[in-house]
Amino acid sequence: MKTLPFKKALNKGPSFDPYLAAANERARQAVRKLQEAGIIGNRIRTDLPPAMEEGSDRDFGG
């Protein structure tokens, strides 16, 4: 015999993991809490330095 016999694996797909669903919910709650505290969220700045405002004299010193 050249190889050992092995039982064929059936592709059943991923099994249900109860810890994964709970971990996803905890992660969503943590993100929601940080968004409410203003720590994470909109990262686009709306304020500009005076040199970048419209109509200002732009001198980049080049």
PDB file of N, CA and C in Angstrom:
ATOM      1  N   MET A   1       0.847  -1.161   0.000  1.00  0.00           N
ATOM      2  CA  MET A   1       0.000   0.000   0.000  1.00  0.00           C
ATOM      3  C   MET A   1       0.905   1.241   0.000  1.00  0.00           C
ATOM      4  N   LYS A   2       0.657   2.146  -0.955  1.00  0.00           N
ATOM      5  CA  LYS A   2       1.496   3.326  -1.082  1.00  0.00           C
ATOM      6  C   LYS A   2       0.999   4.475  -0.219  1.00  0.00           C
ATOM      7  N   THR A   3      -0.286   4.591  -0.020  1.00  0.00           N
ATOM      8  CA  THR A   3      -0.826   5.673   0.801  1.00  0.00           C
ATOM      9  C   THR A   3      -1.770   5.096   1.839  1.00  0.00           C
ATOM     10  N   LEU A   4      -1.992   5.871   2.858  1.00  0.00           N
ATOM     11  CA  LEU A   4      -2.920   5.461   3.898  1.00  0.00           C
ATOM     12  C   LEU A   4      -4.327   5.897   3.515  1.00  0.00           C
ATOM     13  N   PRO A   5      -5.301   5.079   3.756  1.00  0.00           N
ATOM     14  CA  PRO A   5      -6.671   5.497   3.453  1.00  0.00           C
ATOM     15  C   PRO A   5      -7.118   6.576   4.438  1.00  0.00           C
ATOM     16  N   PHE A   6      -7.893   7.506   3.961  1.00  0.00           N
ATOM     17  CA  PHE A   6      -8.409   8.546   4.836  1.00  0.00           C
ATOM     18  C   PHE A   6      -9.880   8.775   4.505  1.00  0.00           C
ATOM     19  N   LYS A   7     -10.586   9.218   5.485  1.00  0.00           N
ATOM     20  CA  LYS A   7     -11.997   9.487   5.309  1.00  0.00           C
ATOM     21  C   LYS A   7     -12.155  10.793   4.534  1.00  0.00           C
ATOM     22  N   LYS A   8     -13.002  10.788   3.523  1.00  0.00           N
ATOM     23  CA  LYS A   8     -13.197  11.990   2.721  1.00  0.00           C
ATOM     24  C   LYS A   8     -13.885  13.058   3.550  1.00  0.00           C
ATOM     25  N   ALA A   9     -13.366  14.252   3.470  1.00  0.00           N
ATOM     26  CA  ALA A   9     -13.957  15.375   4.189  1.00  0.00           C
ATOM     27  C   ALA A   9     -15.106  15.932   3.368  1.00  0.00           C
ATOM     28  N   LEU A  10     -16.216  16.090   4.005  1.00  0.00           N
ATOM     29  CA  LEU A  10     -17.365  16.685   3.334  1.00  0.00           C
ATOM     30  C   LEU A  10     -17.310  18.186   3.530  1.00  0.00           C
ATOM     31  N   ASN A  11     -17.514  18.903   2.471  1.00  0.00           N
ATOM     32  CA  ASN A  11     -17.499  20.363   2.556  1.00  0.00           C
ATOM     33  C   ASN A  11     -18.856  20.824   3.073  1.00  0.00           C
ATOM     34  N   LYS A  12     -18.944  20.953   4.371  1.00  0.00           N
ATOM     35  CA  LYS A  12     -20.199  21.356   4.992  1.00  0.00           C
ATOM     36  C   LYS A  12     -20.327  22.863   5.108  1.00  0.00           C
ATOM     37  N   GLY A  13     -19.276  23.589   4.827  1.00  0.00           N
ATOM     38  CA  GLY A  13     -19.299  25.036   4.991  1.00  0.00           C
ATOM     39  C   GLY A  13     -18.923  25.399   6.421  1.00  0.00           C
ATOM     40  N   PRO A  14     -18.897  26.671   6.713  1.00  0.00           N
ATOM     41  CA  PRO A  14     -18.514  27.092   8.051  1.00  0.00           C
ATOM     42  C   PRO A  14     -19.561  26.690   9.087  1.00  0.00           C
ATOM     43  N   SER A  15     -19.087  26.303  10.227  1.00  0.00           N
ATOM     44  CA  SER A  15     -20.009  25.937  11.288  1.00  0.00           C
ATOM     45  C   SER A  15     -20.399  27.189  12.081  1.00  0.00           C
ATOM     46  N   PHE A  16     -21.494  27.118  12.786  1.00  0.00           N
ATOM     47  CA  PHE A  16     -21.982  28.244  13.564  1.00  0.00           C
ATOM     48  C   PHE A  16     -21.121  28.416  14.804  1.00  0.00           C
ATOM     49  N   ASP A  17     -20.656  29.622  15.040  1.00  0.00           N
ATOM     50  CA  ASP A  17     -19.844  29.924  16.207  1.00  0.00           C
ATOM     51  C   ASP A  17     -20.608  30.920  17.078  1.00  0.00           C
ATOM     52  N   PRO A  18     -21.093  30.484  18.240  1.00  0.00           N
ATOM     53  CA  PRO A  18     -21.871  31.405  19.078  1.00  0.00           C
ATOM     54  C   PRO A  18     -21.044  32.564  19.615  1.00  0.00           C
ATOM     55  N   TYR A  19     -19.755  32.372  19.748  1.00  0.00           N
ATOM     56  CA  TYR A  19     -18.903  33.441  20.260  1.00  0.00           C
ATOM     57  C   TYR A  19     -18.700  34.534  19.216  1.00  0.00           C
ATOM     58  N   LEU A  20     -18.747  34.182  17.944  1.00  0.00           N
ATOM     59  CA  LEU A  20     -18.545  35.166  16.883  1.00  0.00           C
ATOM     60  C   LEU A  20     -19.684  36.181  16.855  1.00  0.00           C
ATOM     61  N   ALA A  21     -20.903  35.723  16.984  1.00  0.00           N
ATOM     62  CA  ALA A  21     -22.044  36.634  16.987  1.00  0.00           C
ATOM     63  C   ALA A  21     -21.978  37.577  18.183  1.00  0.00           C
ATOM     64  N   ALA A  22     -21.600  37.062  19.343  1.00  0.00           N
ATOM     65  CA  ALA A  22     -21.489  37.902  20.534  1.00  0.00           C
ATOM     66  C   ALA A  22     -20.343  38.909  20.391  1.00  0.00           C
ATOM     67  N   ALA A  23     -19.240  38.485  19.789  1.00  0.00           N
ATOM     68  CA  ALA A  23     -18.105  39.388  19.594  1.00  0.00           C
ATOM     69  C   ALA A  23     -18.470  40.510  18.617  1.00  0.00           C
ATOM     70  N   ASN A  24     -19.214  40.184  17.564  1.00  0.00           N
ATOM     71  CA  ASN A  24     -19.645  41.212  16.613  1.00  0.00           C
ATOM     72  C   ASN A  24     -20.539  42.241  17.290  1.00  0.00           C
ATOM     73  N   GLU A  25     -21.435  41.779  18.135  1.00  0.00           N
ATOM     74  CA  GLU A  25     -22.330  42.708  18.836  1.00  0.00           C
ATOM     75  C   GLU A  25     -21.552  43.612  19.796  1.00  0.00           C
ATOM     76  N   ARG A  26     -20.583  43.050  20.512  1.00  0.00           N
ATOM     77  CA  ARG A  26     -19.760  43.873  21.412  1.00  0.00           C
ATOM     78  C   ARG A  26     -18.954  44.898  20.635  1.00  0.00           C
ATOM     79  N   ALA A  27     -18.450  44.521  19.462  1.00  0.00           N
ATOM     80  CA  ALA A  27     -17.682  45.459  18.640  1.00  0.00           C
ATOM     81  C   ALA A  27     -18.581  46.592  18.149  1.00  0.00           C
ATOM     82  N   ARG A  28     -19.810  46.264  17.726  1.00  0.00           N
ATOM     83  CA  ARG A  28     -20.742  47.299  17.281  1.00  0.00           C
ATOM     84  C   ARG A  28     -21.088  48.258  18.419  1.00  0.00           C
ATOM     85  N   GLN A  29     -21.282  47.725  19.618  1.00  0.00           N
ATOM     86  CA  GLN A  29     -21.584  48.578  20.766  1.00  0.00           C
ATOM     87  C   GLN A  29     -20.413  49.493  21.102  1.00  0.00           C
ATOM     88  N   ALA A  30     -19.187  48.963  21.003  1.00  0.00           N
ATOM     89  CA  ALA A  30     -18.009  49.778  21.293  1.00  0.00           C
ATOM     90  C   ALA A  30     -17.871  50.911  20.279  1.00  0.00           C
ATOM     91  N   VAL A  31     -18.094  50.619  18.999  1.00  0.00           N
ATOM     92  CA  VAL A  31     -18.007  51.652  17.962  1.00  0.00           C
ATOM     93  C   VAL A  31     -19.082  52.706  18.179  1.00  0.00           C
ATOM     94  N   ARG A  32     -20.302  52.270  18.487  1.00  0.00           N
ATOM     95  CA  ARG A  32     -21.394  53.219  18.726  1.00  0.00           C
ATOM     96  C   ARG A  32     -21.073  54.127  19.911  1.00  0.00           C
ATOM     97  N   LYS A  33     -20.500  53.558  20.958  1.00  0.00           N
ATOM     98  CA  LYS A  33     -20.147  54.343  22.143  1.00  0.00           C
ATOM     99  C   LYS A  33     -19.067  55.381  21.819  1.00  0.00           C
ATOM    100  N   LEU A  34     -18.067  54.991  21.029  1.00  0.00           N
ATOM    101  CA  LEU A  34     -17.008  55.927  20.648  1.00  0.00           C
ATOM    102  C   LEU A  34     -17.529  57.014  19.719  1.00  0.00           C
ATOM    103  N   GLN A  35     -18.467  56.668  18.838  1.00  0.00           N
ATOM    104  CA  GLN A  35     -19.052  57.676  17.953  1.00  0.00           C
ATOM    105  C   GLN A  35     -19.869  58.683  18.744  1.00  0.00           C
ATOM    106  N   GLU A  36     -20.616  58.214  19.731  1.00  0.00           N
ATOM    107  CA  GLU A  36     -21.413  59.121  20.552  1.00  0.00           C
ATOM    108  C   GLU A  36     -20.527  60.044  21.379  1.00  0.00           C
ATOM    109  N   ALA A  37     -19.354  59.552  21.786  1.00  0.00           N
ATOM    110  CA  ALA A  37     -18.429  60.373  22.562  1.00  0.00           C
ATOM    111  C   ALA A  37     -17.646  61.338  21.671  1.00  0.00           C
ATOM    112  N   GLY A  38     -17.745  61.172  20.341  1.00  0.00           N
ATOM    113  CA  GLY A  38     -17.043  62.056  19.420  1.00  0.00           C
ATOM    114  C   GLY A  38     -15.593  61.690  19.207  1.00  0.00           C
ATOM    115  N   ILE A  39     -15.202  60.514  19.641  1.00  0.00           N
ATOM    116  CA  ILE A  39     -13.808  60.097  19.486  1.00  0.00           C
ATOM    117  C   ILE A  39     -13.554  59.632  18.063  1.00  0.00           C
ATOM    118  N   ILE A  40     -14.495  58.910  17.481  1.00  0.00           N
ATOM    119  CA  ILE A  40     -14.356  58.489  16.088  1.00  0.00           C
ATOM    120  C   ILE A  40     -15.586  58.978  15.330  1.00  0.00           C
ATOM    121  N   GLY A  41     -15.462  59.041  14.037  1.00  0.00           N
ATOM    122  CA  GLY A  41     -16.599  59.483  13.229  1.00  0.00           C
ATOM    123  C   GLY A  41     -16.123  60.261  12.034  1.00  0.00           C
ATOM    124  N   ASN A  42     -16.684  61.432  11.836  1.00  0.00           N
ATOM    125  CA  ASN A  42     -16.364  62.254  10.687  1.00  0.00           C
ATOM    126  C   ASN A  42     -14.937  62.780  10.812  1.00  0.00           C
ATOM    127  N   ARG A  43     -14.079  62.348   9.916  1.00  0.00           N
ATOM    128  CA  ARG A  43     -12.678  62.750   9.981  1.00  0.00           C
ATOM    129  C   ARG A  43     -12.337  63.834   8.964  1.00  0.00           C
ATOM    130  N   ILE A  44     -13.337  64.382   8.287  1.00  0.00           N
ATOM    131  CA  ILE A  44     -13.087  65.435   7.313  1.00  0.00           C
ATOM    132  C   ILE A  44     -13.122  66.770   8.047  1.00  0.00           C
ATOM    133  N   ARG A  45     -12.036  67.488   7.952  1.00  0.00           N
ATOM    134  CA  ARG A  45     -11.956  68.771   8.639  1.00  0.00           C
ATOM    135  C   ARG A  45     -12.752  69.817   7.886  1.00  0.00           C
ATOM    136  N   THR A  46     -13.472  70.617   8.624  1.00  0.00           N
ATOM    137  CA  THR A  46     -14.239  71.698   8.014  1.00  0.00           C
ATOM    138  C   THR A  46     -13.612  73.054   8.297  1.00  0.00           C
ATOM    139  N   ASP A  47     -12.736  73.124   9.283  1.00  0.00           N
ATOM    140  CA  ASP A  47     -12.062  74.392   9.549  1.00  0.00           C
ATOM    141  C   ASP A  47     -10.758  74.430   8.754  1.00  0.00           C
ATOM    142  N   LEU A  48     -10.364  75.612   8.343  1.00  0.00           N
ATOM    143  CA  LEU A  48      -9.151  75.780   7.555  1.00  0.00           C
ATOM    144  C   LEU A  48      -8.228  76.785   8.226  1.00  0.00           C
ATOM    145  N   PRO A  49      -6.928  76.608   8.043  1.00  0.00           N
ATOM    146  CA  PRO A  49      -5.997  77.628   8.531  1.00  0.00           C
ATOM    147  C   PRO A  49      -6.223  78.933   7.761  1.00  0.00           C
ATOM    148  N   PRO A  50      -5.860  80.052   8.351  1.00  0.00           N
ATOM    149  CA  PRO A  50      -6.105  81.344   7.690  1.00  0.00           C
ATOM    150  C   PRO A  50      -5.488  81.449   6.292  1.00  0.00           C
ATOM    151  N   ALA A  51      -4.343  80.818   6.055  1.00  0.00           N
ATOM    152  CA  ALA A  51      -3.686  80.920   4.760  1.00  0.00           C
ATOM    153  C   ALA A  51      -4.428  80.148   3.673  1.00  0.00           C
ATOM    154  N   MET A  52      -5.306  79.223   4.072  1.00  0.00           N
ATOM    155  CA  MET A  52      -6.005  78.413   3.082  1.00  0.00           C
ATOM    156  C   MET A  52      -7.435  78.870   2.849  1.00  0.00           C
ATOM    157  N   GLU A  53      -7.892  79.875   3.570  1.00  0.00           N
ATOM    158  CA  GLU A  53      -9.262  80.355   3.404  1.00  0.00           C
ATOM    159  C   GLU A  53      -9.404  81.091   2.082  1.00  0.00           C
ATOM    160  N   GLU A  54     -10.617  81.076   1.564  1.00  0.00           N
ATOM    161  CA  GLU A  54     -10.887  81.717   0.283  1.00  0.00           C
ATOM    162  C   GLU A  54     -10.652  83.220   0.384  1.00  0.00           C
ATOM    163  N   GLY A  55      -9.940  83.760  -0.604  1.00  0.00           N
ATOM    164  CA  GLY A  55      -9.691  85.196  -0.652  1.00  0.00           C
ATOM    165  C   GLY A  55      -8.463  85.640   0.126  1.00  0.00           C
ATOM    166  N   SER A  56      -7.770  84.743   0.787  1.00  0.00           N
ATOM    167  CA  SER A  56      -6.586  85.151   1.543  1.00  0.00           C
ATOM    168  C   SER A  56      -5.380  85.230   0.608  1.00  0.00           C
ATOM    169  N   ASP A  57      -4.389  86.006   1.024  1.00  0.00           N
ATOM    170  CA  ASP A  57      -3.174  86.126   0.241  1.00  0.00           C
ATOM    171  C   ASP A  57      -2.334  84.886   0.485  1.00  0.00           C
ATOM    172  N   ARG A  58      -2.237  84.043  -0.508  1.00  0.00           N
ATOM    173  CA  ARG A  58      -1.531  82.753  -0.339  1.00  0.00           C
ATOM    174  C   ARG A  58      -0.075  82.920  -0.765  1.00  0.00           C
ATOM    175  N   ASP A  59       0.779  82.859   0.215  1.00  0.00           N
ATOM    176  CA  ASP A  59       2.223  82.914  -0.068  1.00  0.00           C
ATOM    177  C   ASP A  59       2.844  81.691   0.560  1.00  0.00           C
ATOM    178  N   PHE A  60       3.301  80.799  -0.282  1.00  0.00           N
ATOM    179  CA  PHE A  60       3.881  79.564   0.213  1.00  0.00           C
ATOM    180  C   PHE A  60       5.380  79.656   0.425  1.00  0.00           C
ATOM    181  N   GLY A  61       5.951  80.809   0.217  1.00  0.00           N
ATOM    182  CA  GLY A  61       7.357  81.028   0.512  1.00  0.00           C
ATOM    183  C   GLY A  61       8.299  80.269  -0.408  1.00  0.00           C
ATOM    184  N   GLY A  62       7.877  79.912  -1.575  1.00  0.00           N
ATOM    185  CA  GLY A  62       8.682  79.111  -2.492  1.00  0.00           C
ATOM    186  C   GLY A  62       9.554  79.899  -3.311  1.00  0.00           C
TER     187      GLY A  62
END
